Every structure is written in structure tokens, then in C-alpha cells.
Amino acid sequence: MQPSAASLSRRKFIAGAASLAAGAPLVRADEPAGRSAETIAQALHATLSPSQRAEVCFPWDHVHPKFGLLRTRVGNNWNATKPELVSDFFTGEQRRMVRDVFEQLIRPEWHARIDQQLEDDAGGFGHSQSIALIGEPGSGKFQFLMTGRHMTLRCDGDSAEHVAFGGPIFYGHDPGGFNEEATHPGNVFWAQALAANKLAAMLDGRQREMALVAKQPSESAVGFRGGRNTPGIPVTELSADQKGELERVLAVLLEPYRAGDQEEVRRCLAAQGGLEACRLAFYRDGDIGNDGVWDCWRLEGPAFVWHYRGAPHVHVWVNIADSPDVPTNT
């Protein structure tokens, strides 16, 4: 019998912290129902001592000397603060609360997959990851931020009305060897590329010529272009069945995230004209094995960027707002 996603995530997090003297379980099975990531993040903030706050709490408009505006910073491998989650900087209860925030942001059926990614990339949940709490709960300006290798994950405690996910996010996976094979064995996010390639296979010759782009932009270049100078095929050039397939691609991209974040993405997208205001590009460079299964691709609208870079391994950059005028640190 296969273990459940919940038991896998619990086992990995506890194992990752076995070296801690406290030895307390880091995920509770008896969490009260109805708690959100936001309320847990606010409760976590209240538990921090003055010395802890000096290390991981920042004003809303804090500009980091290296990273810039912290609440909109996104990266593929970075730490907003120094203390690792498995360190004794945090109490056992605080580590449980951080894990609870994570499990509220990610849908339960994805817990085990993200835990596998973290095991492969960072030695497990809590290893190499750090958190920052930006702003003050109850002020209308508060954000929980978790960073590490292949992770920028955030939630807006009670703010960020005009952006999805609380701001730009990042996810990725390197299941081994850095340079992946063309079929990306073991990569928990490769199914997203396969969904996009199913749509690519539906394009006719003219559409294919519009969709294929020689060279991809810098993967971290996910600032909003307002629909200007955007390469790829306009979604308006797709047929009804192709548009339906693109809707399924979007659903696959959103699948790991809680319902509230999925809804916010769709609200932001609708505010800028929906998928019909977007373009879809498949990049010739980075085609592992030259097999015409596009490892690198991008869906972009006026204030919507989902950039999937699959070579040499998967990096995905996401930045979504309801207007291109929303400022971002990208």
C-alpha cells in the first residue's frame, strides 16, 4: 500500500529535522480545520521573539542591499534571510507553523511531489529554505515569503490585492545530474511541458511558424510588457478546440496551488482580456535531443508571464497581476 501524501510530507519533514535536540514532531495531524495560510502566517509572526524578528521581519517597503524590494523579489536559488528552517533558531512550534503555511498553499495531492522535489534539490523540506515576514499583520500590508533552491513561495497575509500568489513566484526541479534527458525522468513538473506540447502538436503549418521562436529571453525576465513586443502566436489565432486545449494547459499549471490562488490568477487574467490577450511561444533553443518536444516555452499576456525553461533542468518563473502598471522587482 502506498503511503499518503500527508504521511510522506510528515515523514520527510520530521526526518529532515532529526538532528534537532528538541525532537518534537514538525507536522501535526490534529490541525484545526478552516485555518488559512494567511492566518497561520500572522500567528507565526506573533510567536517571534525580538531577536528572531530582528533576523526575519522587515518593513513592507524594505529594500535589500542585494535583492532590491524584498516583497517582489523572485529568484531560482536564494535566501531572503540566513536562518534555515531546520536550525534551532526556530522553535518546534514555529517550524510546525511554517510547514502548515506551506501545506495550505499547496494542494494536498501535491504535497508528496513537492516534498520529492525538495528532497532532490535541497535535502528535504526545511533544508536550505528560509522565511521572511514582511510588513505587519493587520496593517493591510503583510507577506509571508519562503525562499531556497528552486523555491520562491509567498502568501499575502492581508494585502496584495492586484497580484496573484502574493507576488512573483518560482519553482523548479533537478532530480539528478543537472543536465536532464529529453524525457525528464523523475521531474515532477515535466507533465506541464507535455500538456503544452500536446497543444503544439495541434498547430497547423502557419500557426507553427508563428509559435516557434528561435531564442528564448533570459529566464528571469518576467517583467510585464503590457502586450508589446511579445513573441509567439496570438491566442486569437487559435481555433476553438486549440483554445480549449490551452485552457487545459492553464489548469495543469495551476493544479498544485490552493483554490484561492487559482481563482486570483483567473481574476487577474480576466482583467487584462483573458487568454485571448496572451501569446504562446515555443523556443527552438534548449530543445533537448532536438526531438521537437519543446522543453522551453512561455505563455505571456499584458500582465501575465508563465515562463517554463526545461533545459538543462526545469526552472519556472511566474508573475501575474491585474494590470501591467503593477510594479514588480523583476
C-alpha atoms as a PDB file:
ATOM      1  CA  MET A   1       0.000   0.000   0.000  1.00  0.00           C
ATOM      2  CA  GLN A   2       1.377   3.408  -0.977  1.00  0.00           C
ATOM      3  CA  PRO A   3       1.734   5.983   1.833  1.00  0.00           C
ATOM      4  CA  SER A   4      -0.497   9.024   1.597  1.00  0.00           C
ATOM      5  CA  ALA A   5       0.791  12.447   0.545  1.00  0.00           C
ATOM      6  CA  ALA A   6       0.192  13.689   4.076  1.00  0.00           C
ATOM      7  CA  SER A   7       2.193  10.872   5.644  1.00  0.00           C
ATOM      8  CA  LEU A   8       5.015  11.368   3.136  1.00  0.00           C
ATOM      9  CA  SER A   9       5.260  15.089   3.814  1.00  0.00           C
ATOM     10  CA  ARG A  10       5.128  14.497   7.576  1.00  0.00           C
ATOM     11  CA  ARG A  11       7.819  11.801   7.410  1.00  0.00           C
ATOM     12  CA  LYS A  12      10.177  13.853   5.246  1.00  0.00           C
ATOM     13  CA  PHE A  13       9.879  16.973   7.396  1.00  0.00           C
ATOM     14  CA  ILE A  14      10.428  15.078  10.636  1.00  0.00           C
ATOM     15  CA  ALA A  15      13.380  13.188   9.165  1.00  0.00           C
ATOM     16  CA  GLY A  16      14.898  16.424   7.922  1.00  0.00           C
ATOM     17  CA  ALA A  17      14.916  17.799  11.459  1.00  0.00           C
ATOM     18  CA  ALA A  18      16.063  14.654  13.273  1.00  0.00           C
ATOM     19  CA  SER A  19      19.298  16.335  14.236  1.00  0.00           C
ATOM     20  CA  LEU A  20      17.491  18.948  16.284  1.00  0.00           C
ATOM     21  CA  ALA A  21      17.697  18.483  20.030  1.00  0.00           C
ATOM     22  CA  ALA A  22      14.040  19.267  20.559  1.00  0.00           C
ATOM     23  CA  GLY A  23      12.931  16.183  18.665  1.00  0.00           C
ATOM     24  CA  ALA A  24       9.317  17.392  18.501  1.00  0.00           C
ATOM     25  CA  PRO A  25       7.120  16.313  15.557  1.00  0.00           C
ATOM     26  CA  LEU A  26       7.056  19.088  12.996  1.00  0.00           C
ATOM     27  CA  VAL A  27       3.656  18.431  11.413  1.00  0.00           C
ATOM     28  CA  ARG A  28       0.538  17.924  13.465  1.00  0.00           C
ATOM     29  CA  ALA A  29      -2.201  15.558  12.375  1.00  0.00           C
ATOM     30  CA  ASP A  30      -4.765  17.394  14.530  1.00  0.00           C
ATOM     31  CA  GLU A  31      -4.640  20.879  12.992  1.00  0.00           C
ATOM     32  CA  PRO A  32      -7.950  22.737  13.414  1.00  0.00           C
ATOM     33  CA  ALA A  33      -9.978  22.844  10.231  1.00  0.00           C
ATOM     34  CA  GLY A  34     -10.519  26.135   8.427  1.00  0.00           C
ATOM     35  CA  ARG A  35      -7.175  27.799   9.109  1.00  0.00           C
ATOM     36  CA  SER A  36      -5.682  29.590   6.111  1.00  0.00           C
ATOM     37  CA  ALA A  37      -2.071  30.175   5.177  1.00  0.00           C
ATOM     38  CA  GLU A  38      -2.638  33.858   5.956  1.00  0.00           C
ATOM     39  CA  THR A  39      -3.962  33.325   9.481  1.00  0.00           C
ATOM     40  CA  ILE A  40      -1.184  30.844  10.272  1.00  0.00           C
ATOM     41  CA  ALA A  41       1.458  33.285   8.975  1.00  0.00           C
ATOM     42  CA  GLN A  42       0.009  36.016  11.161  1.00  0.00           C
ATOM     43  CA  ALA A  43       0.020  33.689  14.173  1.00  0.00           C
ATOM     44  CA  LEU A  44       3.635  32.763  13.415  1.00  0.00           C
ATOM     45  CA  HIS A  45       4.578  36.429  13.420  1.00  0.00           C
ATOM     46  CA  ALA A  46       3.091  36.796  16.901  1.00  0.00           C
ATOM     47  CA  THR A  47       5.274  33.977  18.290  1.00  0.00           C
ATOM     48  CA  LEU A  48       8.585  35.522  17.259  1.00  0.00           C
ATOM     49  CA  SER A  49      10.878  36.906  19.920  1.00  0.00           C
ATOM     50  CA  PRO A  50      12.535  40.322  19.497  1.00  0.00           C
ATOM     51  CA  SER A  51      15.810  38.652  18.491  1.00  0.00           C
ATOM     52  CA  GLN A  52      14.013  36.495  15.910  1.00  0.00           C
ATOM     53  CA  ARG A  53      12.181  39.500  14.489  1.00  0.00           C
ATOM     54  CA  ALA A  54      15.483  41.283  14.039  1.00  0.00           C
ATOM     55  CA  GLU A  55      16.548  38.466  11.690  1.00  0.00           C
ATOM     56  CA  VAL A  56      13.418  37.596   9.690  1.00  0.00           C
ATOM     57  CA  CYS A  57      10.987  40.539   9.889  1.00  0.00           C
ATOM     58  CA  PHE A  58      11.151  43.577   7.635  1.00  0.00           C
ATOM     59  CA  PRO A  59       9.144  46.719   6.859  1.00  0.00           C
ATOM     60  CA  TRP A  60       6.742  46.499   3.934  1.00  0.00           C
ATOM     61  CA  ASP A  61       8.925  48.590   1.634  1.00  0.00           C
ATOM     62  CA  HIS A  62      12.245  47.094   2.757  1.00  0.00           C
ATOM     63  CA  VAL A  63      14.921  47.310   0.056  1.00  0.00           C
ATOM     64  CA  HIS A  64      17.526  44.594   0.484  1.00  0.00           C
ATOM     65  CA  PRO A  65      21.058  45.757  -0.429  1.00  0.00           C
ATOM     66  CA  LYS A  66      21.472  42.750  -2.748  1.00  0.00           C
ATOM     67  CA  PHE A  67      17.938  41.779  -3.792  1.00  0.00           C
ATOM     68  CA  GLY A  68      16.090  45.081  -4.029  1.00  0.00           C
ATOM     69  CA  LEU A  69      12.459  45.371  -2.929  1.00  0.00           C
ATOM     70  CA  LEU A  70      12.083  42.200  -0.893  1.00  0.00           C
ATOM     71  CA  ARG A  71       8.332  41.727  -1.214  1.00  0.00           C
ATOM     72  CA  THR A  72       8.558  41.478  -5.007  1.00  0.00           C
ATOM     73  CA  ARG A  73      11.927  39.715  -5.349  1.00  0.00           C
ATOM     74  CA  VAL A  74      11.932  36.340  -7.134  1.00  0.00           C
ATOM     75  CA  GLY A  75      14.844  34.001  -7.801  1.00  0.00           C
ATOM     76  CA  ASN A  76      15.733  30.420  -8.612  1.00  0.00           C
ATOM     77  CA  ASN A  77      18.212  29.907  -5.754  1.00  0.00           C
ATOM     78  CA  TRP A  78      18.322  32.478  -2.984  1.00  0.00           C
ATOM     79  CA  ASN A  79      17.645  33.044   0.703  1.00  0.00           C
ATOM     80  CA  ALA A  80      15.872  36.168   1.868  1.00  0.00           C
ATOM     81  CA  THR A  81      17.211  35.556   5.401  1.00  0.00           C
ATOM     82  CA  LYS A  82      20.013  33.473   6.929  1.00  0.00           C
ATOM     83  CA  PRO A  83      18.366  31.085   9.446  1.00  0.00           C
ATOM     84  CA  GLU A  84      17.445  27.723   7.870  1.00  0.00           C
ATOM     85  CA  LEU A  85      14.078  26.307   8.857  1.00  0.00           C
ATOM     86  CA  VAL A  86      15.663  23.201  10.410  1.00  0.00           C
ATOM     87  CA  SER A  87      18.000  25.266  12.575  1.00  0.00           C
ATOM     88  CA  ASP A  88      17.420  25.795  16.275  1.00  0.00           C
ATOM     89  CA  PHE A  89      16.774  29.459  15.501  1.00  0.00           C
ATOM     90  CA  PHE A  90      13.106  28.428  15.293  1.00  0.00           C
ATOM     91  CA  THR A  91      11.150  26.575  17.955  1.00  0.00           C
ATOM     92  CA  GLY A  92       9.470  23.286  17.153  1.00  0.00           C
ATOM     93  CA  GLU A  93       6.091  25.019  17.183  1.00  0.00           C
ATOM     94  CA  GLN A  94       7.294  27.695  14.777  1.00  0.00           C
ATOM     95  CA  ARG A  95       8.618  25.053  12.399  1.00  0.00           C
ATOM     96  CA  ARG A  96       5.235  23.327  12.530  1.00  0.00           C
ATOM     97  CA  MET A  97       3.552  26.611  11.656  1.00  0.00           C
ATOM     98  CA  VAL A  98       5.836  27.195   8.671  1.00  0.00           C
ATOM     99  CA  ARG A  99       5.033  23.713   7.401  1.00  0.00           C
ATOM    100  CA  ASP A 100       1.336  24.422   7.950  1.00  0.00           C
ATOM    101  CA  VAL A 101       1.571  27.551   5.785  1.00  0.00           C
ATOM    102  CA  PHE A 102       3.259  25.517   3.051  1.00  0.00           C
ATOM    103  CA  GLU A 103       0.596  22.794   3.214  1.00  0.00           C
ATOM    104  CA  GLN A 104      -2.174  25.383   2.963  1.00  0.00           C
ATOM    105  CA  LEU A 105      -0.606  26.983  -0.115  1.00  0.00           C
ATOM    106  CA  ILE A 106      -0.047  23.672  -1.935  1.00  0.00           C
ATOM    107  CA  ARG A 107      -2.948  21.303  -2.626  1.00  0.00           C
ATOM    108  CA  PRO A 108      -2.743  18.046  -0.608  1.00  0.00           C
ATOM    109  CA  GLU A 109      -2.325  15.831  -3.673  1.00  0.00           C
ATOM    110  CA  TRP A 110       0.835  17.803  -4.498  1.00  0.00           C
ATOM    111  CA  HIS A 111       2.473  17.688  -1.053  1.00  0.00           C
ATOM    112  CA  ALA A 112       4.384  14.468  -1.746  1.00  0.00           C
ATOM    113  CA  ARG A 113       5.531  15.692  -5.170  1.00  0.00           C
ATOM    114  CA  ILE A 114       6.843  18.999  -3.845  1.00  0.00           C
ATOM    115  CA  ASP A 115       8.480  17.141  -0.956  1.00  0.00           C
ATOM    116  CA  GLN A 116      10.214  14.912  -3.516  1.00  0.00           C
ATOM    117  CA  GLN A 117      11.426  17.984  -5.386  1.00  0.00           C
ATOM    118  CA  LEU A 118      12.757  19.482  -2.155  1.00  0.00           C
ATOM    119  CA  GLU A 119      14.424  16.197  -1.225  1.00  0.00           C
ATOM    120  CA  ASP A 120      16.169  16.039  -4.607  1.00  0.00           C
ATOM    121  CA  ASP A 121      17.134  19.707  -4.744  1.00  0.00           C
ATOM    122  CA  ALA A 122      17.808  20.691  -1.157  1.00  0.00           C
ATOM    123  CA  GLY A 123      17.945  17.623   1.078  1.00  0.00           C
ATOM    124  CA  GLY A 124      14.321  17.910   2.174  1.00  0.00           C
ATOM    125  CA  PHE A 125      11.807  20.404   3.459  1.00  0.00           C
ATOM    126  CA  GLY A 126      13.475  22.928   5.740  1.00  0.00           C
ATOM    127  CA  HIS A 127      16.992  22.341   4.457  1.00  0.00           C
ATOM    128  CA  SER A 128      18.339  25.451   2.736  1.00  0.00           C
ATOM    129  CA  GLN A 129      14.910  27.131   2.940  1.00  0.00           C
ATOM    130  CA  SER A 130      14.400  30.319   4.897  1.00  0.00           C
ATOM    131  CA  ILE A 131      11.482  32.642   5.546  1.00  0.00           C
ATOM    132  CA  ALA A 132      10.861  36.355   5.750  1.00  0.00           C
ATOM    133  CA  LEU A 133       7.829  38.127   7.190  1.00  0.00           C
ATOM    134  CA  ILE A 134       7.351  41.476   5.520  1.00  0.00           C
ATOM    135  CA  GLY A 135       5.109  44.196   6.921  1.00  0.00           C
ATOM    136  CA  GLU A 136       2.783  43.942   9.921  1.00  0.00           C
ATOM    137  CA  PRO A 137      -0.281  41.695  10.332  1.00  0.00           C
ATOM    138  CA  GLY A 138      -3.498  43.688  10.401  1.00  0.00           C
ATOM    139  CA  SER A 139      -1.954  46.689   8.664  1.00  0.00           C
ATOM    140  CA  GLY A 140      -3.153  45.741   5.186  1.00  0.00           C
ATOM    141  CA  LYS A 141       0.473  45.215   4.219  1.00  0.00           C
ATOM    142  CA  PHE A 142       1.852  41.833   5.253  1.00  0.00           C
ATOM    143  CA  GLN A 143       3.535  38.981   3.362  1.00  0.00           C
ATOM    144  CA  PHE A 144       4.949  35.542   4.187  1.00  0.00           C
ATOM    145  CA  LEU A 145       7.908  34.649   1.953  1.00  0.00           C
ATOM    146  CA  MET A 146       9.712  31.288   1.714  1.00  0.00           C
ATOM    147  CA  THR A 147      12.907  31.018  -0.324  1.00  0.00           C
ATOM    148  CA  GLY A 148      15.585  28.447  -1.156  1.00  0.00           C
ATOM    149  CA  ARG A 149      16.895  26.422  -4.057  1.00  0.00           C
ATOM    150  CA  HIS A 150      14.157  26.121  -6.679  1.00  0.00           C
ATOM    151  CA  MET A 151      11.648  27.924  -4.478  1.00  0.00           C
ATOM    152  CA  THR A 152      10.158  31.374  -4.153  1.00  0.00           C
ATOM    153  CA  LEU A 153       6.757  30.894  -2.499  1.00  0.00           C
ATOM    154  CA  ARG A 154       4.674  33.547  -0.824  1.00  0.00           C
ATOM    155  CA  CYS A 155       1.278  34.467   0.503  1.00  0.00           C
ATOM    156  CA  ASP A 156      -0.112  37.901   1.220  1.00  0.00           C
ATOM    157  CA  GLY A 157      -1.321  37.971   4.801  1.00  0.00           C
ATOM    158  CA  ASP A 158      -3.914  40.637   4.117  1.00  0.00           C
ATOM    159  CA  SER A 159      -2.654  42.643   1.158  1.00  0.00           C
ATOM    160  CA  ALA A 160      -1.508  42.497  -2.490  1.00  0.00           C
ATOM    161  CA  GLU A 161      -4.980  42.875  -3.968  1.00  0.00           C
ATOM    162  CA  HIS A 162      -3.747  43.324  -7.520  1.00  0.00           C
ATOM    163  CA  VAL A 163      -1.343  40.387  -7.851  1.00  0.00           C
ATOM    164  CA  ALA A 164      -1.673  36.610  -7.848  1.00  0.00           C
ATOM    165  CA  PHE A 165       0.247  34.383  -5.401  1.00  0.00           C
ATOM    166  CA  GLY A 166       1.095  37.456  -3.297  1.00  0.00           C
ATOM    167  CA  GLY A 167       3.717  38.381  -5.901  1.00  0.00           C
ATOM    168  CA  PRO A 168       6.121  36.659  -8.320  1.00  0.00           C
ATOM    169  CA  ILE A 169       6.925  33.002  -7.571  1.00  0.00           C
ATOM    170  CA  PHE A 170       9.397  30.394  -8.779  1.00  0.00           C
ATOM    171  CA  TYR A 171       9.511  26.602  -8.824  1.00  0.00           C
ATOM    172  CA  GLY A 172      11.836  24.061 -10.389  1.00  0.00           C
ATOM    173  CA  HIS A 173      13.279  20.573 -10.122  1.00  0.00           C
ATOM    174  CA  ASP A 174      16.620  18.878 -10.750  1.00  0.00           C
ATOM    175  CA  PRO A 175      16.036  15.198  -9.951  1.00  0.00           C
ATOM    176  CA  GLY A 176      19.632  14.316 -10.661  1.00  0.00           C
ATOM    177  CA  GLY A 177      22.606  15.089 -12.841  1.00  0.00           C
ATOM    178  CA  PHE A 178      21.788  18.772 -13.585  1.00  0.00           C
ATOM    179  CA  ASN A 179      21.530  18.035 -17.331  1.00  0.00           C
ATOM    180  CA  GLU A 180      18.276  16.158 -17.813  1.00  0.00           C
ATOM    181  CA  GLU A 181      17.455  13.697 -20.549  1.00  0.00           C
ATOM    182  CA  ALA A 182      14.908  14.619 -23.186  1.00  0.00           C
ATOM    183  CA  THR A 183      12.137  12.756 -21.343  1.00  0.00           C
ATOM    184  CA  HIS A 184      12.958  14.409 -17.992  1.00  0.00           C
ATOM    185  CA  PRO A 185      12.617  11.195 -15.927  1.00  0.00           C
ATOM    186  CA  GLY A 186      11.505  11.831 -12.363  1.00  0.00           C
ATOM    187  CA  ASN A 187      10.802  15.526 -12.858  1.00  0.00           C
ATOM    188  CA  VAL A 188       7.593  16.325 -11.003  1.00  0.00           C
ATOM    189  CA  PHE A 189       6.855  19.312 -13.277  1.00  0.00           C
ATOM    190  CA  TRP A 190       7.503  17.746 -16.703  1.00  0.00           C
ATOM    191  CA  ALA A 191       3.800  16.961 -17.142  1.00  0.00           C
ATOM    192  CA  GLN A 192       3.246  20.709 -17.519  1.00  0.00           C
ATOM    193  CA  ALA A 193       5.500  20.782 -20.585  1.00  0.00           C
ATOM    194  CA  LEU A 194       3.826  17.693 -22.010  1.00  0.00           C
ATOM    195  CA  ALA A 195       0.463  19.466 -21.722  1.00  0.00           C
ATOM    196  CA  ALA A 196       1.833  22.463 -23.633  1.00  0.00           C
ATOM    197  CA  ASN A 197       3.380  20.194 -26.261  1.00  0.00           C
ATOM    198  CA  LYS A 198       0.040  18.499 -26.817  1.00  0.00           C
ATOM    199  CA  LEU A 199      -1.246  21.884 -27.910  1.00  0.00           C
ATOM    200  CA  ALA A 200       1.876  22.473 -30.014  1.00  0.00           C
ATOM    201  CA  ALA A 201       1.148  19.256 -31.905  1.00  0.00           C
ATOM    202  CA  MET A 202      -2.317  20.613 -32.823  1.00  0.00           C
ATOM    203  CA  LEU A 203      -0.914  23.658 -34.646  1.00  0.00           C
ATOM    204  CA  ASP A 204      -1.010  23.747 -38.439  1.00  0.00           C
ATOM    205  CA  GLY A 205       1.953  24.905 -40.513  1.00  0.00           C
ATOM    206  CA  ARG A 206       1.127  28.613 -40.445  1.00  0.00           C
ATOM    207  CA  GLN A 207       0.391  28.578 -36.735  1.00  0.00           C
ATOM    208  CA  ARG A 208       3.535  26.599 -36.033  1.00  0.00           C
ATOM    209  CA  GLU A 209       5.634  29.188 -37.840  1.00  0.00           C
ATOM    210  CA  MET A 210       4.125  31.912 -35.647  1.00  0.00           C
ATOM    211  CA  ALA A 211       4.568  29.959 -32.428  1.00  0.00           C
ATOM    212  CA  LEU A 212       8.181  28.845 -32.879  1.00  0.00           C
ATOM    213  CA  VAL A 213      10.756  31.396 -31.734  1.00  0.00           C
ATOM    214  CA  ALA A 214      14.481  30.948 -32.283  1.00  0.00           C
ATOM    215  CA  LYS A 215      15.800  32.152 -28.951  1.00  0.00           C
ATOM    216  CA  GLN A 216      14.191  32.465 -25.559  1.00  0.00           C
ATOM    217  CA  PRO A 217      14.646  35.579 -23.424  1.00  0.00           C
ATOM    218  CA  SER A 218      16.512  35.494 -20.145  1.00  0.00           C
ATOM    219  CA  GLU A 219      14.501  33.167 -17.936  1.00  0.00           C
ATOM    220  CA  SER A 220      14.277  35.741 -15.138  1.00  0.00           C
ATOM    221  CA  ALA A 221      12.980  38.443 -17.496  1.00  0.00           C
ATOM    222  CA  VAL A 222       9.376  38.234 -16.351  1.00  0.00           C
ATOM    223  CA  GLY A 223       8.564  41.909 -16.008  1.00  0.00           C
ATOM    224  CA  PHE A 224       5.310  42.975 -17.635  1.00  0.00           C
ATOM    225  CA  ARG A 225       5.487  44.209 -21.224  1.00  0.00           C
ATOM    226  CA  GLY A 226       1.859  45.249 -21.464  1.00  0.00           C
ATOM    227  CA  GLY A 227       1.347  43.050 -24.528  1.00  0.00           C
ATOM    228  CA  ARG A 228       4.015  44.907 -26.518  1.00  0.00           C
ATOM    229  CA  ASN A 229       6.911  43.179 -28.316  1.00  0.00           C
ATOM    230  CA  THR A 230       5.689  39.782 -27.199  1.00  0.00           C
ATOM    231  CA  PRO A 231       6.822  36.898 -29.435  1.00  0.00           C
ATOM    232  CA  GLY A 232       4.793  33.816 -30.279  1.00  0.00           C
ATOM    233  CA  ILE A 233       1.380  33.072 -31.674  1.00  0.00           C
ATOM    234  CA  PRO A 234      -1.517  35.261 -30.518  1.00  0.00           C
ATOM    235  CA  VAL A 235      -4.183  33.151 -28.852  1.00  0.00           C
ATOM    236  CA  THR A 236      -6.693  34.853 -31.146  1.00  0.00           C
ATOM    237  CA  GLU A 237      -5.078  32.856 -33.974  1.00  0.00           C
ATOM    238  CA  LEU A 238      -6.054  29.551 -32.358  1.00  0.00           C
ATOM    239  CA  SER A 239      -9.152  27.583 -33.274  1.00  0.00           C
ATOM    240  CA  ALA A 240     -11.865  26.856 -30.737  1.00  0.00           C
ATOM    241  CA  ASP A 241     -10.533  23.384 -29.955  1.00  0.00           C
ATOM    242  CA  GLN A 242      -6.984  24.736 -29.636  1.00  0.00           C
ATOM    243  CA  LYS A 243      -8.197  27.409 -27.231  1.00  0.00           C
ATOM    244  CA  GLY A 244      -9.889  24.681 -25.228  1.00  0.00           C
ATOM    245  CA  GLU A 245      -6.581  22.826 -25.103  1.00  0.00           C
ATOM    246  CA  LEU A 246      -4.836  25.993 -23.886  1.00  0.00           C
ATOM    247  CA  GLU A 247      -7.419  26.247 -21.105  1.00  0.00           C
ATOM    248  CA  ARG A 248      -6.393  22.718 -20.100  1.00  0.00           C
ATOM    249  CA  VAL A 249      -2.723  23.746 -20.122  1.00  0.00           C
ATOM    250  CA  LEU A 250      -3.548  26.607 -17.756  1.00  0.00           C
ATOM    251  CA  ALA A 251      -5.415  24.209 -15.489  1.00  0.00           C
ATOM    252  CA  VAL A 252      -2.361  21.925 -15.354  1.00  0.00           C
ATOM    253  CA  LEU A 253      -0.128  24.877 -14.469  1.00  0.00           C
ATOM    254  CA  LEU A 254      -2.453  25.936 -11.659  1.00  0.00           C
ATOM    255  CA  GLU A 255      -3.065  22.421 -10.336  1.00  0.00           C
ATOM    256  CA  PRO A 256      -0.503  22.455  -7.475  1.00  0.00           C
ATOM    257  CA  TYR A 257      -1.939  25.583  -5.865  1.00  0.00           C
ATOM    258  CA  ARG A 258      -4.836  26.187  -3.493  1.00  0.00           C
ATOM    259  CA  ALA A 259      -8.212  27.154  -4.914  1.00  0.00           C
ATOM    260  CA  GLY A 260      -7.963  30.765  -3.768  1.00  0.00           C
ATOM    261  CA  ASP A 261      -4.734  31.342  -5.668  1.00  0.00           C
ATOM    262  CA  GLN A 262      -6.142  29.653  -8.769  1.00  0.00           C
ATOM    263  CA  GLU A 263      -9.160  31.941  -8.631  1.00  0.00           C
ATOM    264  CA  GLU A 264      -6.952  35.003  -8.184  1.00  0.00           C
ATOM    265  CA  VAL A 265      -4.903  34.070 -11.244  1.00  0.00           C
ATOM    266  CA  ARG A 266      -8.067  33.791 -13.303  1.00  0.00           C
ATOM    267  CA  ARG A 267      -9.373  37.129 -11.983  1.00  0.00           C
ATOM    268  CA  CYS A 268      -6.108  38.848 -12.900  1.00  0.00           C
ATOM    269  CA  LEU A 269      -6.129  37.218 -16.315  1.00  0.00           C
ATOM    270  CA  ALA A 270      -9.729  38.265 -16.955  1.00  0.00           C
ATOM    271  CA  ALA A 271      -8.919  41.877 -16.034  1.00  0.00           C
ATOM    272  CA  GLN A 272      -6.373  42.064 -18.875  1.00  0.00           C
ATOM    273  CA  GLY A 273      -8.548  40.405 -21.507  1.00  0.00           C
ATOM    274  CA  GLY A 274      -8.230  36.714 -20.644  1.00  0.00           C
ATOM    275  CA  LEU A 275      -6.176  34.157 -22.524  1.00  0.00           C
ATOM    276  CA  GLU A 276      -7.153  35.853 -25.791  1.00  0.00           C
ATOM    277  CA  ALA A 277      -4.871  38.753 -24.815  1.00  0.00           C
ATOM    278  CA  CYS A 278      -1.910  36.350 -24.496  1.00  0.00           C
ATOM    279  CA  ARG A 279       0.679  34.852 -26.812  1.00  0.00           C
ATOM    280  CA  LEU A 280       2.247  31.414 -26.683  1.00  0.00           C
ATOM    281  CA  ALA A 281       5.864  30.824 -27.713  1.00  0.00           C
ATOM    282  CA  PHE A 282       7.858  27.607 -28.069  1.00  0.00           C
ATOM    283  CA  TYR A 283      11.627  28.105 -28.207  1.00  0.00           C
ATOM    284  CA  ARG A 284      13.892  26.256 -30.603  1.00  0.00           C
ATOM    285  CA  ASP A 285      16.947  26.753 -28.427  1.00  0.00           C
ATOM    286  CA  GLY A 286      17.017  24.445 -25.438  1.00  0.00           C
ATOM    287  CA  ASP A 287      15.305  21.594 -27.303  1.00  0.00           C
ATOM    288  CA  ILE A 288      16.964  18.675 -25.523  1.00  0.00           C
ATOM    289  CA  GLY A 289      17.666  15.876 -28.014  1.00  0.00           C
ATOM    290  CA  ASN A 290      16.422  18.000 -30.930  1.00  0.00           C
ATOM    291  CA  ASP A 291      13.249  15.937 -30.835  1.00  0.00           C
ATOM    292  CA  GLY A 292      10.722  18.714 -31.432  1.00  0.00           C
ATOM    293  CA  VAL A 293       9.280  18.239 -27.951  1.00  0.00           C
ATOM    294  CA  TRP A 294       9.698  21.789 -26.763  1.00  0.00           C
ATOM    295  CA  ASP A 295      11.424  21.945 -23.396  1.00  0.00           C
ATOM    296  CA  CYS A 296      11.219  25.745 -23.169  1.00  0.00           C
ATOM    297  CA  TRP A 297       8.064  27.760 -23.724  1.00  0.00           C
ATOM    298  CA  ARG A 298       6.223  30.790 -22.442  1.00  0.00           C
ATOM    299  CA  LEU A 299       2.644  31.978 -22.068  1.00  0.00           C
ATOM    300  CA  GLU A 300       2.529  35.761 -21.821  1.00  0.00           C
ATOM    301  CA  GLY A 301      -0.109  38.476 -21.637  1.00  0.00           C
ATOM    302  CA  PRO A 302      -0.073  42.178 -20.761  1.00  0.00           C
ATOM    303  CA  ALA A 303       0.389  41.396 -17.042  1.00  0.00           C
ATOM    304  CA  PHE A 304       0.808  37.627 -17.153  1.00  0.00           C
ATOM    305  CA  VAL A 305       4.066  35.685 -17.534  1.00  0.00           C
ATOM    306  CA  TRP A 306       4.463  31.920 -17.086  1.00  0.00           C
ATOM    307  CA  HIS A 307       7.957  31.102 -18.361  1.00  0.00           C
ATOM    308  CA  TYR A 308       8.876  27.407 -18.465  1.00  0.00           C
ATOM    309  CA  ARG A 309      12.574  26.701 -19.030  1.00  0.00           C
ATOM    310  CA  GLY A 310      13.154  22.971 -19.268  1.00  0.00           C
ATOM    311  CA  ALA A 311      16.847  22.881 -20.214  1.00  0.00           C
ATOM    312  CA  PRO A 312      19.168  21.815 -18.666  1.00  0.00           C
ATOM    313  CA  HIS A 313      16.532  21.111 -15.992  1.00  0.00           C
ATOM    314  CA  VAL A 314      13.206  22.670 -15.087  1.00  0.00           C
ATOM    315  CA  HIS A 315      13.012  26.296 -13.939  1.00  0.00           C
ATOM    316  CA  VAL A 316       9.630  28.049 -13.971  1.00  0.00           C
ATOM    317  CA  TRP A 317       9.095  31.778 -13.368  1.00  0.00           C
ATOM    318  CA  VAL A 318       5.595  33.147 -12.710  1.00  0.00           C
ATOM    319  CA  ASN A 319       4.485  36.769 -12.463  1.00  0.00           C
ATOM    320  CA  ILE A 320       0.804  37.717 -12.664  1.00  0.00           C
ATOM    321  CA  ALA A 321      -1.144  40.892 -11.870  1.00  0.00           C
ATOM    322  CA  ASP A 322      -4.378  42.500 -12.973  1.00  0.00           C
ATOM    323  CA  SER A 323      -2.585  45.373 -14.734  1.00  0.00           C
ATOM    324  CA  PRO A 324       0.839  45.887 -16.299  1.00  0.00           C
ATOM    325  CA  ASP A 325       1.107  49.051 -14.193  1.00  0.00           C
ATOM    326  CA  VAL A 326       1.556  47.000 -11.006  1.00  0.00           C
ATOM    327  CA  PRO A 327       5.235  47.403 -10.073  1.00  0.00           C
ATOM    328  CA  THR A 328       7.389  44.281  -9.710  1.00  0.00           C
ATOM    329  CA  ASN A 329      11.048  43.701  -8.844  1.00  0.00           C
ATOM    330  CA  THR A 330      11.857  41.617 -11.942  1.00  0.00           C
END
